[in-house]
Amino acid sequence: MPPGYAPRIGTPFGAGIGRLGDLCGALTGAIAAYGIVRGRFNPDDVDGKERAYAAARRIYEGFRERFGSCECREITGVDFDDAASAERYKAEDMHDRVCKPTVRGAVELLVGMLGD
């Protein structure tokens, strides 16, 4: 992948996919990265598809076990559509306190899967 593309691809995943508070962007990004590295090239590669599905499940389940949820709004306690809640995210430095550790955890799960 050309330099600079990973942040571009991952940009809309933030705050639970475009600030919707749904599936955590760190988790989504880890699963997408697995696909980039180990995904199938041929749509007829059923074994490759099954390996990727199994890896995605293991990353997802490991993430949920580690953080208690896979949803941004539950991990952060923030409703990004609510101005006061979104302001609390900034005021309480949740990006550093909550989001960075979830990104780190997602990367650790990804690296573990790539090592298998």
PDB file of N, CA and C in Angstrom:
ATOM      1  N   MET A   1       0.850  -1.168   0.000  1.00  0.00           N
ATOM      2  CA  MET A   1       0.000   0.000   0.000  1.00  0.00           C
ATOM      3  C   MET A   1       0.900   1.237   0.000  1.00  0.00           C
ATOM      4  N   PRO A   2       0.616   2.192  -0.840  1.00  0.00           N
ATOM      5  CA  PRO A   2       1.444   3.403  -0.870  1.00  0.00           C
ATOM      6  C   PRO A   2       1.413   4.140   0.472  1.00  0.00           C
ATOM      7  N   PRO A   3       2.512   4.804   0.831  1.00  0.00           N
ATOM      8  CA  PRO A   3       2.551   5.543   2.097  1.00  0.00           C
ATOM      9  C   PRO A   3       1.397   6.548   2.176  1.00  0.00           C
ATOM     10  N   GLY A   4       0.841   6.660   3.356  1.00  0.00           N
ATOM     11  CA  GLY A   4      -0.230   7.617   3.579  1.00  0.00           C
ATOM     12  C   GLY A   4      -1.626   7.095   3.309  1.00  0.00           C
ATOM     13  N   TYR A   5      -1.749   5.915   2.705  1.00  0.00           N
ATOM     14  CA  TYR A   5      -3.074   5.402   2.378  1.00  0.00           C
ATOM     15  C   TYR A   5      -3.812   4.849   3.595  1.00  0.00           C
ATOM     16  N   ALA A   6      -3.102   4.236   4.533  1.00  0.00           N
ATOM     17  CA  ALA A   6      -3.774   3.659   5.707  1.00  0.00           C
ATOM     18  C   ALA A   6      -4.557   4.726   6.479  1.00  0.00           C
ATOM     19  N   PRO A   7      -3.969   5.894   6.793  1.00  0.00           N
ATOM     20  CA  PRO A   7      -4.764   6.909   7.486  1.00  0.00           C
ATOM     21  C   PRO A   7      -5.937   7.401   6.646  1.00  0.00           C
ATOM     22  N   ARG A   8      -5.755   7.468   5.356  1.00  0.00           N
ATOM     23  CA  ARG A   8      -6.860   7.907   4.500  1.00  0.00           C
ATOM     24  C   ARG A   8      -8.006   6.913   4.544  1.00  0.00           C
ATOM     25  N   ILE A   9      -7.656   5.634   4.440  1.00  0.00           N
ATOM     26  CA  ILE A   9      -8.684   4.598   4.469  1.00  0.00           C
ATOM     27  C   ILE A   9      -9.383   4.580   5.824  1.00  0.00           C
ATOM     28  N   GLY A  10      -8.623   4.731   6.901  1.00  0.00           N
ATOM     29  CA  GLY A  10      -9.171   4.630   8.243  1.00  0.00           C
ATOM     30  C   GLY A  10      -9.909   5.853   8.745  1.00  0.00           C
ATOM     31  N   THR A  11      -9.769   6.988   8.096  1.00  0.00           N
ATOM     32  CA  THR A  11     -10.373   8.227   8.586  1.00  0.00           C
ATOM     33  C   THR A  11     -11.868   8.099   8.890  1.00  0.00           C
ATOM     34  N   PRO A  12     -12.683   7.553   8.012  1.00  0.00           N
ATOM     35  CA  PRO A  12     -14.115   7.523   8.309  1.00  0.00           C
ATOM     36  C   PRO A  12     -14.532   6.521   9.376  1.00  0.00           C
ATOM     37  N   PHE A  13     -13.600   5.679   9.848  1.00  0.00           N
ATOM     38  CA  PHE A  13     -13.950   4.685  10.864  1.00  0.00           C
ATOM     39  C   PHE A  13     -14.084   5.305  12.251  1.00  0.00           C
ATOM     40  N   GLY A  14     -13.547   6.505  12.453  1.00  0.00           N
ATOM     41  CA  GLY A  14     -13.489   7.117  13.777  1.00  0.00           C
ATOM     42  C   GLY A  14     -14.836   7.363  14.412  1.00  0.00           C
ATOM     43  N   ALA A  15     -14.827   7.338  15.763  1.00  0.00           N
ATOM     44  CA  ALA A  15     -16.012   7.607  16.590  1.00  0.00           C
ATOM     45  C   ALA A  15     -17.155   6.656  16.253  1.00  0.00           C
ATOM     46  N   GLY A  16     -16.795   5.414  16.021  1.00  0.00           N
ATOM     47  CA  GLY A  16     -17.825   4.404  15.763  1.00  0.00           C
ATOM     48  C   GLY A  16     -18.430   4.514  14.383  1.00  0.00           C
ATOM     49  N   ILE A  17     -17.601   4.708  13.385  1.00  0.00           N
ATOM     50  CA  ILE A  17     -17.957   4.865  11.974  1.00  0.00           C
ATOM     51  C   ILE A  17     -18.676   6.202  11.781  1.00  0.00           C
ATOM     52  N   GLY A  18     -17.898   7.192  11.423  1.00  0.00           N
ATOM     53  CA  GLY A  18     -18.452   8.507  11.103  1.00  0.00           C
ATOM     54  C   GLY A  18     -19.209   9.170  12.237  1.00  0.00           C
ATOM     55  N   ARG A  19     -18.727   8.983  13.469  1.00  0.00           N
ATOM     56  CA  ARG A  19     -19.348   9.541  14.683  1.00  0.00           C
ATOM     57  C   ARG A  19     -20.736   8.980  14.991  1.00  0.00           C
ATOM     58  N   LEU A  20     -21.036   7.790  14.500  1.00  0.00           N
ATOM     59  CA  LEU A  20     -22.328   7.172  14.807  1.00  0.00           C
ATOM     60  C   LEU A  20     -22.316   6.424  16.140  1.00  0.00           C
ATOM     61  N   GLY A  21     -21.127   6.185  16.681  1.00  0.00           N
ATOM     62  CA  GLY A  21     -21.021   5.487  17.950  1.00  0.00           C
ATOM     63  C   GLY A  21     -21.193   3.989  17.844  1.00  0.00           C
ATOM     64  N   ASP A  22     -21.212   3.470  16.634  1.00  0.00           N
ATOM     65  CA  ASP A  22     -21.409   2.035  16.435  1.00  0.00           C
ATOM     66  C   ASP A  22     -20.076   1.295  16.556  1.00  0.00           C
ATOM     67  N   LEU A  23     -19.831   0.359  15.696  1.00  0.00           N
ATOM     68  CA  LEU A  23     -18.645  -0.482  15.767  1.00  0.00           C
ATOM     69  C   LEU A  23     -17.382   0.379  15.865  1.00  0.00           C
ATOM     70  N   CYS A  24     -16.558   0.066  16.855  1.00  0.00           N
ATOM     71  CA  CYS A  24     -15.337   0.835  17.112  1.00  0.00           C
ATOM     72  C   CYS A  24     -14.440   0.861  15.874  1.00  0.00           C
ATOM     73  N   GLY A  25     -13.975   2.031  15.522  1.00  0.00           N
ATOM     74  CA  GLY A  25     -13.109   2.194  14.355  1.00  0.00           C
ATOM     75  C   GLY A  25     -11.790   1.456  14.482  1.00  0.00           C
ATOM     76  N   ALA A  26     -11.275   1.323  15.702  1.00  0.00           N
ATOM     77  CA  ALA A  26     -10.027   0.585  15.904  1.00  0.00           C
ATOM     78  C   ALA A  26     -10.234  -0.883  15.562  1.00  0.00           C
ATOM     79  N   LEU A  27     -11.359  -1.430  15.972  1.00  0.00           N
ATOM     80  CA  LEU A  27     -11.678  -2.819  15.666  1.00  0.00           C
ATOM     81  C   LEU A  27     -11.891  -3.002  14.167  1.00  0.00           C
ATOM     82  N   THR A  28     -12.661  -2.119  13.576  1.00  0.00           N
ATOM     83  CA  THR A  28     -12.914  -2.184  12.137  1.00  0.00           C
ATOM     84  C   THR A  28     -11.610  -2.088  11.362  1.00  0.00           C
ATOM     85  N   GLY A  29     -10.752  -1.181  11.778  1.00  0.00           N
ATOM     86  CA  GLY A  29      -9.465  -1.013  11.112  1.00  0.00           C
ATOM     87  C   GLY A  29      -8.587  -2.241  11.238  1.00  0.00           C
ATOM     88  N   ALA A  30      -8.596  -2.881  12.406  1.00  0.00           N
ATOM     89  CA  ALA A  30      -7.784  -4.090  12.594  1.00  0.00           C
ATOM     90  C   ALA A  30      -8.263  -5.207  11.671  1.00  0.00           C
ATOM     91  N   ILE A  31      -9.566  -5.348  11.549  1.00  0.00           N
ATOM     92  CA  ILE A  31     -10.108  -6.386  10.670  1.00  0.00           C
ATOM     93  C   ILE A  31      -9.809  -6.060   9.214  1.00  0.00           C
ATOM     94  N   ALA A  32      -9.922  -4.793   8.844  1.00  0.00           N
ATOM     95  CA  ALA A  32      -9.585  -4.392   7.472  1.00  0.00           C
ATOM     96  C   ALA A  32      -8.104  -4.637   7.191  1.00  0.00           C
ATOM     97  N   ALA A  33      -7.249  -4.333   8.155  1.00  0.00           N
ATOM     98  CA  ALA A  33      -5.809  -4.553   7.978  1.00  0.00           C
ATOM     99  C   ALA A  33      -5.506  -6.040   7.810  1.00  0.00           C
ATOM    100  N   TYR A  34      -6.204  -6.882   8.570  1.00  0.00           N
ATOM    101  CA  TYR A  34      -6.015  -8.319   8.389  1.00  0.00           C
ATOM    102  C   TYR A  34      -6.338  -8.705   6.945  1.00  0.00           C
ATOM    103  N   GLY A  35      -7.435  -8.179   6.433  1.00  0.00           N
ATOM    104  CA  GLY A  35      -7.816  -8.476   5.054  1.00  0.00           C
ATOM    105  C   GLY A  35      -6.785  -8.011   4.043  1.00  0.00           C
ATOM    106  N   ILE A  36      -6.190  -6.852   4.292  1.00  0.00           N
ATOM    107  CA  ILE A  36      -5.159  -6.341   3.380  1.00  0.00           C
ATOM    108  C   ILE A  36      -3.963  -7.285   3.355  1.00  0.00           C
ATOM    109  N   VAL A  37      -3.580  -7.789   4.532  1.00  0.00           N
ATOM    110  CA  VAL A  37      -2.389  -8.630   4.635  1.00  0.00           C
ATOM    111  C   VAL A  37      -2.672 -10.082   4.247  1.00  0.00           C
ATOM    112  N   ARG A  38      -3.794 -10.632   4.700  1.00  0.00           N
ATOM    113  CA  ARG A  38      -4.033 -12.064   4.532  1.00  0.00           C
ATOM    114  C   ARG A  38      -5.319 -12.406   3.785  1.00  0.00           C
ATOM    115  N   GLY A  39      -6.015 -11.413   3.282  1.00  0.00           N
ATOM    116  CA  GLY A  39      -7.269 -11.684   2.579  1.00  0.00           C
ATOM    117  C   GLY A  39      -7.039 -12.419   1.267  1.00  0.00           C
ATOM    118  N   ARG A  40      -8.095 -12.921   0.716  1.00  0.00           N
ATOM    119  CA  ARG A  40      -7.997 -13.683  -0.528  1.00  0.00           C
ATOM    120  C   ARG A  40      -7.926 -12.741  -1.731  1.00  0.00           C
ATOM    121  N   PHE A  41      -7.263 -13.192  -2.770  1.00  0.00           N
ATOM    122  CA  PHE A  41      -7.189 -12.451  -4.031  1.00  0.00           C
ATOM    123  C   PHE A  41      -8.213 -12.975  -5.029  1.00  0.00           C
ATOM    124  N   ASN A  42      -8.567 -14.226  -4.872  1.00  0.00           N
ATOM    125  CA  ASN A  42      -9.448 -14.889  -5.819  1.00  0.00           C
ATOM    126  C   ASN A  42     -10.796 -15.154  -5.142  1.00  0.00           C
ATOM    127  N   PRO A  43     -11.900 -14.707  -5.726  1.00  0.00           N
ATOM    128  CA  PRO A  43     -13.201 -14.932  -5.105  1.00  0.00           C
ATOM    129  C   PRO A  43     -13.560 -16.416  -4.958  1.00  0.00           C
ATOM    130  N   ASP A  44     -12.897 -17.275  -5.701  1.00  0.00           N
ATOM    131  CA  ASP A  44     -13.154 -18.713  -5.603  1.00  0.00           C
ATOM    132  C   ASP A  44     -12.364 -19.381  -4.486  1.00  0.00           C
ATOM    133  N   ASP A  45     -11.526 -18.622  -3.784  1.00  0.00           N
ATOM    134  CA  ASP A  45     -10.700 -19.165  -2.704  1.00  0.00           C
ATOM    135  C   ASP A  45     -11.551 -19.292  -1.442  1.00  0.00           C
ATOM    136  N   VAL A  46     -12.307 -20.360  -1.363  1.00  0.00           N
ATOM    137  CA  VAL A  46     -13.209 -20.585  -0.236  1.00  0.00           C
ATOM    138  C   VAL A  46     -12.429 -20.772   1.062  1.00  0.00           C
ATOM    139  N   ASP A  47     -11.308 -21.486   1.004  1.00  0.00           N
ATOM    140  CA  ASP A  47     -10.498 -21.682   2.209  1.00  0.00           C
ATOM    141  C   ASP A  47      -9.963 -20.355   2.735  1.00  0.00           C
ATOM    142  N   GLY A  48      -9.501 -19.494   1.832  1.00  0.00           N
ATOM    143  CA  GLY A  48      -9.012 -18.178   2.226  1.00  0.00           C
ATOM    144  C   GLY A  48     -10.104 -17.344   2.861  1.00  0.00           C
ATOM    145  N   LYS A  49     -11.296 -17.434   2.314  1.00  0.00           N
ATOM    146  CA  LYS A  49     -12.447 -16.712   2.866  1.00  0.00           C
ATOM    147  C   LYS A  49     -12.747 -17.211   4.275  1.00  0.00           C
ATOM    148  N   GLU A  50     -12.749 -18.513   4.456  1.00  0.00           N
ATOM    149  CA  GLU A  50     -13.048 -19.081   5.767  1.00  0.00           C
ATOM    150  C   GLU A  50     -11.973 -18.714   6.793  1.00  0.00           C
ATOM    151  N   ARG A  51     -10.708 -18.715   6.376  1.00  0.00           N
ATOM    152  CA  ARG A  51      -9.625 -18.295   7.282  1.00  0.00           C
ATOM    153  C   ARG A  51      -9.811 -16.841   7.703  1.00  0.00           C
ATOM    154  N   ALA A  52     -10.167 -15.998   6.746  1.00  0.00           N
ATOM    155  CA  ALA A  52     -10.360 -14.576   7.045  1.00  0.00           C
ATOM    156  C   ALA A  52     -11.565 -14.372   7.968  1.00  0.00           C
ATOM    157  N   TYR A  53     -12.634 -15.104   7.733  1.00  0.00           N
ATOM    158  CA  TYR A  53     -13.809 -15.002   8.616  1.00  0.00           C
ATOM    159  C   TYR A  53     -13.452 -15.439  10.034  1.00  0.00           C
ATOM    160  N   ALA A  54     -12.707 -16.533  10.143  1.00  0.00           N
ATOM    161  CA  ALA A  54     -12.304 -17.024  11.462  1.00  0.00           C
ATOM    162  C   ALA A  54     -11.407 -16.009  12.162  1.00  0.00           C
ATOM    163  N   ALA A  55     -10.501 -15.408  11.428  1.00  0.00           N
ATOM    164  CA  ALA A  55      -9.618 -14.391  12.007  1.00  0.00           C
ATOM    165  C   ALA A  55     -10.426 -13.181  12.468  1.00  0.00           C
ATOM    166  N   ALA A  56     -11.370 -12.740  11.644  1.00  0.00           N
ATOM    167  CA  ALA A  56     -12.203 -11.590  12.004  1.00  0.00           C
ATOM    168  C   ALA A  56     -12.979 -11.886  13.284  1.00  0.00           C
ATOM    169  N   ARG A  57     -13.508 -13.088  13.391  1.00  0.00           N
ATOM    170  CA  ARG A  57     -14.254 -13.472  14.595  1.00  0.00           C
ATOM    171  C   ARG A  57     -13.345 -13.445  15.824  1.00  0.00           C
ATOM    172  N   ARG A  58     -12.139 -13.978  15.680  1.00  0.00           N
ATOM    173  CA  ARG A  58     -11.215 -14.016  16.824  1.00  0.00           C
ATOM    174  C   ARG A  58     -10.800 -12.612  17.245  1.00  0.00           C
ATOM    175  N   ILE A  59     -10.546 -11.744  16.280  1.00  0.00           N
ATOM    176  CA  ILE A  59     -10.206 -10.355  16.604  1.00  0.00           C
ATOM    177  C   ILE A  59     -11.397  -9.687  17.295  1.00  0.00           C
ATOM    178  N   TYR A  60     -12.581  -9.838  16.727  1.00  0.00           N
ATOM    179  CA  TYR A  60     -13.804  -9.239  17.273  1.00  0.00           C
ATOM    180  C   TYR A  60     -14.056  -9.724  18.699  1.00  0.00           C
ATOM    181  N   GLU A  61     -14.026 -11.041  18.883  1.00  0.00           N
ATOM    182  CA  GLU A  61     -14.304 -11.600  20.200  1.00  0.00           C
ATOM    183  C   GLU A  61     -13.231 -11.226  21.218  1.00  0.00           C
ATOM    184  N   GLY A  62     -11.975 -11.190  20.797  1.00  0.00           N
ATOM    185  CA  GLY A  62     -10.902 -10.765  21.686  1.00  0.00           C
ATOM    186  C   GLY A  62     -11.057  -9.304  22.091  1.00  0.00           C
ATOM    187  N   PHE A  63     -11.464  -8.491  21.147  1.00  0.00           N
ATOM    188  CA  PHE A  63     -11.682  -7.072  21.417  1.00  0.00           C
ATOM    189  C   PHE A  63     -12.823  -6.895  22.416  1.00  0.00           C
ATOM    190  N   ARG A  64     -13.929  -7.596  22.166  1.00  0.00           N
ATOM    191  CA  ARG A  64     -15.096  -7.485  23.061  1.00  0.00           C
ATOM    192  C   ARG A  64     -14.739  -7.962  24.469  1.00  0.00           C
ATOM    193  N   GLU A  65     -13.976  -9.033  24.559  1.00  0.00           N
ATOM    194  CA  GLU A  65     -13.564  -9.544  25.865  1.00  0.00           C
ATOM    195  C   GLU A  65     -12.676  -8.528  26.587  1.00  0.00           C
ATOM    196  N   ARG A  66     -11.780  -7.917  25.846  1.00  0.00           N
ATOM    197  CA  ARG A  66     -10.819  -6.991  26.438  1.00  0.00           C
ATOM    198  C   ARG A  66     -11.464  -5.669  26.852  1.00  0.00           C
ATOM    199  N   PHE A  67     -12.398  -5.157  26.030  1.00  0.00           N
ATOM    200  CA  PHE A  67     -12.955  -3.820  26.282  1.00  0.00           C
ATOM    201  C   PHE A  67     -14.415  -3.830  26.723  1.00  0.00           C
ATOM    202  N   GLY A  68     -15.014  -5.013  26.810  1.00  0.00           N
ATOM    203  CA  GLY A  68     -16.383  -5.106  27.298  1.00  0.00           C
ATOM    204  C   GLY A  68     -17.450  -4.834  26.264  1.00  0.00           C
ATOM    205  N   SER A  69     -17.069  -4.368  25.120  1.00  0.00           N
ATOM    206  CA  SER A  69     -18.002  -4.051  24.041  1.00  0.00           C
ATOM    207  C   SER A  69     -17.210  -3.826  22.761  1.00  0.00           C
ATOM    208  N   CYS A  70     -17.906  -3.837  21.651  1.00  0.00           N
ATOM    209  CA  CYS A  70     -17.303  -3.487  20.367  1.00  0.00           C
ATOM    210  C   CYS A  70     -17.870  -2.173  19.840  1.00  0.00           C
ATOM    211  N   GLU A  71     -18.769  -1.573  20.625  1.00  0.00           N
ATOM    212  CA  GLU A  71     -19.408  -0.333  20.202  1.00  0.00           C
ATOM    213  C   GLU A  71     -18.747   0.873  20.865  1.00  0.00           C
ATOM    214  N   CYS A  72     -18.418   1.834  20.036  1.00  0.00           N
ATOM    215  CA  CYS A  72     -17.756   3.057  20.496  1.00  0.00           C
ATOM    216  C   CYS A  72     -18.531   3.726  21.619  1.00  0.00           C
ATOM    217  N   ARG A  73     -19.837   3.878  21.466  1.00  0.00           N
ATOM    218  CA  ARG A  73     -20.628   4.596  22.476  1.00  0.00           C
ATOM    219  C   ARG A  73     -20.592   3.896  23.826  1.00  0.00           C
ATOM    220  N   GLU A  74     -20.456   2.572  23.814  1.00  0.00           N
ATOM    221  CA  GLU A  74     -20.383   1.842  25.083  1.00  0.00           C
ATOM    222  C   GLU A  74     -18.972   1.901  25.680  1.00  0.00           C
ATOM    223  N   ILE A  75     -17.964   1.867  24.835  1.00  0.00           N
ATOM    224  CA  ILE A  75     -16.583   1.922  25.321  1.00  0.00           C
ATOM    225  C   ILE A  75     -16.275   3.308  25.885  1.00  0.00           C
ATOM    226  N   THR A  76     -16.709   4.345  25.184  1.00  0.00           N
ATOM    227  CA  THR A  76     -16.401   5.717  25.595  1.00  0.00           C
ATOM    228  C   THR A  76     -17.451   6.328  26.512  1.00  0.00           C
ATOM    229  N   GLY A  77     -18.688   5.846  26.407  1.00  0.00           N
ATOM    230  CA  GLY A  77     -19.788   6.480  27.134  1.00  0.00           C
ATOM    231  C   GLY A  77     -20.194   7.800  26.511  1.00  0.00           C
ATOM    232  N   VAL A  78     -19.845   7.996  25.235  1.00  0.00           N
ATOM    233  CA  VAL A  78     -20.097   9.265  24.556  1.00  0.00           C
ATOM    234  C   VAL A  78     -21.123   9.091  23.446  1.00  0.00           C
ATOM    235  N   ASP A  79     -22.068  10.031  23.387  1.00  0.00           N
ATOM    236  CA  ASP A  79     -22.997  10.141  22.259  1.00  0.00           C
ATOM    237  C   ASP A  79     -22.500  11.325  21.435  1.00  0.00           C
ATOM    238  N   PHE A  80     -21.852  11.032  20.319  1.00  0.00           N
ATOM    239  CA  PHE A  80     -21.234  12.096  19.531  1.00  0.00           C
ATOM    240  C   PHE A  80     -22.252  13.018  18.863  1.00  0.00           C
ATOM    241  N   ASP A  81     -23.521  12.637  18.847  1.00  0.00           N
ATOM    242  CA  ASP A  81     -24.568  13.518  18.319  1.00  0.00           C
ATOM    243  C   ASP A  81     -25.026  14.536  19.357  1.00  0.00           C
ATOM    244  N   ASP A  82     -24.661  14.308  20.611  1.00  0.00           N
ATOM    245  CA  ASP A  82     -25.030  15.213  21.686  1.00  0.00           C
ATOM    246  C   ASP A  82     -23.845  16.139  21.967  1.00  0.00           C
ATOM    247  N   ALA A  83     -24.037  17.433  21.795  1.00  0.00           N
ATOM    248  CA  ALA A  83     -22.942  18.399  21.917  1.00  0.00           C
ATOM    249  C   ALA A  83     -22.267  18.336  23.290  1.00  0.00           C
ATOM    250  N   ALA A  84     -23.045  18.235  24.358  1.00  0.00           N
ATOM    251  CA  ALA A  84     -22.462  18.198  25.706  1.00  0.00           C
ATOM    252  C   ALA A  84     -21.638  16.929  25.903  1.00  0.00           C
ATOM    253  N   SER A  85     -22.123  15.818  25.400  1.00  0.00           N
ATOM    254  CA  SER A  85     -21.405  14.558  25.517  1.00  0.00           C
ATOM    255  C   SER A  85     -20.109  14.598  24.707  1.00  0.00           C
ATOM    256  N   ALA A  86     -20.190  15.125  23.506  1.00  0.00           N
ATOM    257  CA  ALA A  86     -19.004  15.244  22.659  1.00  0.00           C
ATOM    258  C   ALA A  86     -17.978  16.199  23.288  1.00  0.00           C
ATOM    259  N   GLU A  87     -18.459  17.239  23.924  1.00  0.00           N
ATOM    260  CA  GLU A  87     -17.557  18.178  24.602  1.00  0.00           C
ATOM    261  C   GLU A  87     -16.875  17.498  25.793  1.00  0.00           C
ATOM    262  N   ARG A  88     -17.608  16.649  26.500  1.00  0.00           N
ATOM    263  CA  ARG A  88     -17.031  15.897  27.613  1.00  0.00           C
ATOM    264  C   ARG A  88     -15.900  14.994  27.116  1.00  0.00           C
ATOM    265  N   TYR A  89     -16.077  14.412  25.918  1.00  0.00           N
ATOM    266  CA  TYR A  89     -15.032  13.585  25.313  1.00  0.00           C
ATOM    267  C   TYR A  89     -13.732  14.370  25.217  1.00  0.00           C
ATOM    268  N   LYS A  90     -13.841  15.611  24.774  1.00  0.00           N
ATOM    269  CA  LYS A  90     -12.653  16.466  24.654  1.00  0.00           C
ATOM    270  C   LYS A  90     -12.135  16.892  26.021  1.00  0.00           C
ATOM    271  N   ALA A  91     -13.033  17.369  26.868  1.00  0.00           N
ATOM    272  CA  ALA A  91     -12.631  17.901  28.174  1.00  0.00           C
ATOM    273  C   ALA A  91     -11.962  16.841  29.048  1.00  0.00           C
ATOM    274  N   GLU A  92     -12.421  15.606  28.943  1.00  0.00           N
ATOM    275  CA  GLU A  92     -11.865  14.529  29.761  1.00  0.00           C
ATOM    276  C   GLU A  92     -10.738  13.776  29.056  1.00  0.00           C
ATOM    277  N   ASP A  93     -10.270  14.334  27.943  1.00  0.00           N
ATOM    278  CA  ASP A  93      -9.145  13.769  27.205  1.00  0.00           C
ATOM    279  C   ASP A  93      -9.350  12.284  26.895  1.00  0.00           C
ATOM    280  N   MET A  94     -10.566  11.939  26.487  1.00  0.00           N
ATOM    281  CA  MET A  94     -10.892  10.537  26.222  1.00  0.00           C
ATOM    282  C   MET A  94     -10.129   9.966  25.033  1.00  0.00           C
ATOM    283  N   HIS A  95      -9.717  10.833  24.136  1.00  0.00           N
ATOM    284  CA  HIS A  95      -8.938  10.321  23.003  1.00  0.00           C
ATOM    285  C   HIS A  95      -7.687   9.613  23.518  1.00  0.00           C
ATOM    286  N   ASP A  96      -6.980  10.267  24.424  1.00  0.00           N
ATOM    287  CA  ASP A  96      -5.756   9.665  24.976  1.00  0.00           C
ATOM    288  C   ASP A  96      -6.062   8.573  25.997  1.00  0.00           C
ATOM    289  N   ARG A  97      -7.062   8.799  26.848  1.00  0.00           N
ATOM    290  CA  ARG A  97      -7.343   7.865  27.940  1.00  0.00           C
ATOM    291  C   ARG A  97      -8.094   6.612  27.490  1.00  0.00           C
ATOM    292  N   VAL A  98      -8.950   6.739  26.480  1.00  0.00           N
ATOM    293  CA  VAL A  98      -9.803   5.618  26.084  1.00  0.00           C
ATOM    294  C   VAL A  98      -9.469   5.122  24.675  1.00  0.00           C
ATOM    295  N   CYS A  99      -9.437   6.031  23.721  1.00  0.00           N
ATOM    296  CA  CYS A  99      -9.298   5.610  22.323  1.00  0.00           C
ATOM    297  C   CYS A  99      -7.909   5.064  21.996  1.00  0.00           C
ATOM    298  N   LYS A 100      -6.881   5.726  22.456  1.00  0.00           N
ATOM    299  CA  LYS A 100      -5.533   5.211  22.161  1.00  0.00           C
ATOM    300  C   LYS A 100      -5.326   3.799  22.717  1.00  0.00           C
ATOM    301  N   PRO A 101      -5.764   3.516  23.947  1.00  0.00           N
ATOM    302  CA  PRO A 101      -5.623   2.134  24.421  1.00  0.00           C
ATOM    303  C   PRO A 101      -6.445   1.130  23.604  1.00  0.00           C
ATOM    304  N   THR A 102      -7.607   1.538  23.089  1.00  0.00           N
ATOM    305  CA  THR A 102      -8.379   0.592  22.269  1.00  0.00           C
ATOM    306  C   THR A 102      -7.691   0.364  20.935  1.00  0.00           C
ATOM    307  N   VAL A 103      -7.087   1.400  20.377  1.00  0.00           N
ATOM    308  CA  VAL A 103      -6.325   1.221  19.136  1.00  0.00           C
ATOM    309  C   VAL A 103      -5.156   0.283  19.391  1.00  0.00           C
ATOM    310  N   ARG A 104      -4.438   0.520  20.463  1.00  0.00           N
ATOM    311  CA  ARG A 104      -3.304  -0.343  20.815  1.00  0.00           C
ATOM    312  C   ARG A 104      -3.779  -1.791  20.988  1.00  0.00           C
ATOM    313  N   GLY A 105      -4.883  -1.977  21.678  1.00  0.00           N
ATOM    314  CA  GLY A 105      -5.413  -3.322  21.893  1.00  0.00           C
ATOM    315  C   GLY A 105      -5.823  -3.991  20.592  1.00  0.00           C
ATOM    316  N   ALA A 106      -6.442  -3.235  19.695  1.00  0.00           N
ATOM    317  CA  ALA A 106      -6.839  -3.794  18.394  1.00  0.00           C
ATOM    318  C   ALA A 106      -5.609  -4.204  17.596  1.00  0.00           C
ATOM    319  N   VAL A 107      -4.578  -3.385  17.643  1.00  0.00           N
ATOM    320  CA  VAL A 107      -3.338  -3.717  16.933  1.00  0.00           C
ATOM    321  C   VAL A 107      -2.704  -4.967  17.533  1.00  0.00           C
ATOM    322  N   GLU A 108      -2.709  -5.084  18.844  1.00  0.00           N
ATOM    323  CA  GLU A 108      -2.153  -6.281  19.485  1.00  0.00           C
ATOM    324  C   GLU A 108      -2.911  -7.526  19.063  1.00  0.00           C
ATOM    325  N   LEU A 109      -4.222  -7.451  18.999  1.00  0.00           N
ATOM    326  CA  LEU A 109      -5.027  -8.593  18.533  1.00  0.00           C
ATOM    327  C   LEU A 109      -4.700  -8.922  17.084  1.00  0.00           C
ATOM    328  N   LEU A 110      -4.572  -7.896  16.243  1.00  0.00           N
ATOM    329  CA  LEU A 110      -4.226  -8.089  14.842  1.00  0.00           C
ATOM    330  C   LEU A 110      -2.866  -8.765  14.709  1.00  0.00           C
ATOM    331  N   VAL A 111      -1.889  -8.256  15.412  1.00  0.00           N
ATOM    332  CA  VAL A 111      -0.536  -8.827  15.337  1.00  0.00           C
ATOM    333  C   VAL A 111      -0.558 -10.274  15.807  1.00  0.00           C
ATOM    334  N   GLY A 112      -1.320 -10.557  16.833  1.00  0.00           N
ATOM    335  CA  GLY A 112      -1.448 -11.933  17.292  1.00  0.00           C
ATOM    336  C   GLY A 112      -2.025 -12.842  16.217  1.00  0.00           C
ATOM    337  N   MET A 113      -3.007 -12.340  15.487  1.00  0.00           N
ATOM    338  CA  MET A 113      -3.616 -13.137  14.410  1.00  0.00           C
ATOM    339  C   MET A 113      -2.630 -13.319  13.251  1.00  0.00           C
ATOM    340  N   LEU A 114      -1.889 -12.300  12.950  1.00  0.00           N
ATOM    341  CA  LEU A 114      -0.945 -12.407  11.841  1.00  0.00           C
ATOM    342  C   LEU A 114       0.202 -13.353  12.189  1.00  0.00           C
ATOM    343  N   GLY A 115       0.481 -13.498  13.485  1.00  0.00           N
ATOM    344  CA  GLY A 115       1.532 -14.414  13.905  1.00  0.00           C
ATOM    345  C   GLY A 115       1.096 -15.870  13.891  1.00  0.00           C
ATOM    346  N   ASP A 116      -0.214 -16.108  13.869  1.00  0.00           N
ATOM    347  CA  ASP A 116      -0.734 -17.488  13.860  1.00  0.00           C
ATOM    348  C   ASP A 116      -0.537 -18.149  12.508  1.00  0.00           C
TER     349      ASP A 116
END
